[in-house]
Amino acid sequence: MAAFAKAFAGRWRIVEMDVWDKDFLDLVETAHLTFKGAADGEIAFGALKGFLDVRYGTRDGLACAEHQREAGSTGGDGEPIGTLHFS
């Protein structure tokens, strides 16, 4: 596993999002992102639970993990739809 992947490995609590309040985030289970392996992850918040295709690297000099939709899925074009940064 690459060093960047190791830096993000584990379960991370989602404590804030731009659109939804905390009550919604934890509606079904504790909102979280989980990173495991070289490119696998999952996300859960509200009534959503899904799997992520994750790419690790740097952006603006900081380690980052980007998750993507699959190309061809509704609204998906393979472009990053979320980025997590460590500073």
Protein backbone atom coordinates (compact mmCIF):
# COMPACT_ATOMS: atom_id res chain seq x y z
CA MET A 1 0.00 0.00 0.00
CA ALA A 2 1.36 3.43 -0.94
CA ALA A 3 2.41 5.84 1.82
CA PHE A 4 -0.45 8.22 0.98
CA ALA A 5 -2.99 5.40 1.27
CA LYS A 6 -1.58 4.48 4.70
CA ALA A 7 -2.00 8.09 5.87
CA PHE A 8 -5.74 7.96 5.16
CA ALA A 9 -6.41 4.32 6.16
CA GLY A 10 -9.21 3.80 8.64
CA ARG A 11 -12.62 5.18 9.48
CA TRP A 12 -13.07 8.95 9.59
CA ARG A 13 -16.08 10.65 11.19
CA ILE A 14 -17.95 13.17 9.03
CA VAL A 15 -18.80 16.03 11.38
CA GLU A 16 -19.92 18.70 8.93
CA MET A 17 -21.16 19.07 5.36
CA ASP A 18 -22.19 22.19 3.47
CA VAL A 19 -25.73 21.07 2.65
CA TRP A 20 -26.98 18.85 5.52
CA ASP A 21 -27.18 19.39 9.26
CA LYS A 22 -25.73 17.00 11.85
CA ASP A 23 -29.10 15.38 12.62
CA PHE A 24 -29.43 14.34 8.98
CA LEU A 25 -25.80 13.21 8.70
CA ASP A 26 -26.29 10.64 11.48
CA LEU A 27 -29.83 9.63 10.48
CA VAL A 28 -29.19 5.88 9.99
CA GLU A 29 -25.66 5.44 11.36
CA THR A 30 -22.73 7.61 12.36
CA ALA A 31 -21.66 9.53 9.24
CA HIS A 32 -18.23 8.42 8.07
CA LEU A 33 -15.71 7.82 5.31
CA THR A 34 -13.65 4.64 5.42
CA PHE A 35 -10.46 4.20 3.42
CA LYS A 36 -9.00 0.73 3.00
CA GLY A 37 -6.49 -0.77 0.64
CA ALA A 38 -4.91 0.99 -2.30
CA ALA A 39 -8.11 2.34 -3.89
CA ASP A 40 -11.17 1.21 -1.91
CA GLY A 41 -13.39 3.18 0.39
CA GLU A 42 -16.92 3.67 1.56
CA ILE A 43 -19.09 6.57 2.62
CA ALA A 44 -22.17 6.67 4.84
CA PHE A 45 -24.35 9.63 5.82
CA GLY A 46 -28.08 10.26 6.02
CA ALA A 47 -29.75 7.31 4.28
CA LEU A 48 -26.82 6.83 1.87
CA LYS A 49 -24.19 4.13 2.00
CA GLY A 50 -21.88 3.68 -0.95
CA PHE A 51 -18.52 2.51 -2.14
CA LEU A 52 -15.76 4.81 -3.37
CA ASP A 53 -13.04 4.54 -5.98
CA VAL A 54 -10.22 6.46 -4.27
CA ARG A 55 -7.05 8.01 -5.69
CA TYR A 56 -4.30 9.30 -3.39
CA GLY A 57 -1.80 12.03 -4.15
CA THR A 58 -1.06 15.67 -3.45
CA ARG A 59 -2.84 18.90 -4.24
CA ASP A 60 -1.44 22.33 -3.40
CA GLY A 61 1.40 20.60 -1.54
CA LEU A 62 -0.94 18.65 0.80
CA ALA A 63 -1.72 14.93 0.89
CA CYS A 64 -5.20 14.30 -0.48
CA ALA A 65 -7.64 11.49 -1.24
CA GLU A 66 -10.09 12.03 -4.10
CA HIS A 67 -13.14 9.86 -4.62
CA GLN A 68 -14.88 9.52 -7.96
CA ARG A 69 -18.10 8.45 -9.59
CA GLU A 70 -17.81 5.81 -12.25
CA ALA A 71 -17.72 7.23 -15.77
CA GLY A 72 -21.11 6.74 -17.40
CA SER A 73 -23.10 6.70 -14.15
CA THR A 74 -25.78 9.32 -13.66
CA GLY A 75 -23.95 12.61 -13.44
CA GLY A 76 -20.63 10.76 -13.44
CA ASP A 77 -17.85 11.70 -15.77
CA GLY A 78 -14.88 10.24 -13.92
CA GLU A 79 -13.98 13.63 -12.45
CA PRO A 80 -13.34 13.88 -8.69
CA ILE A 81 -16.52 14.61 -6.75
CA GLY A 82 -14.93 14.89 -3.33
CA THR A 83 -11.52 15.58 -1.89
CA LEU A 84 -10.19 15.07 1.63
CA HIS A 85 -7.04 16.99 2.60
CA PHE A 86 -4.63 16.60 5.49
CA SER A 87 -2.71 19.67 6.53
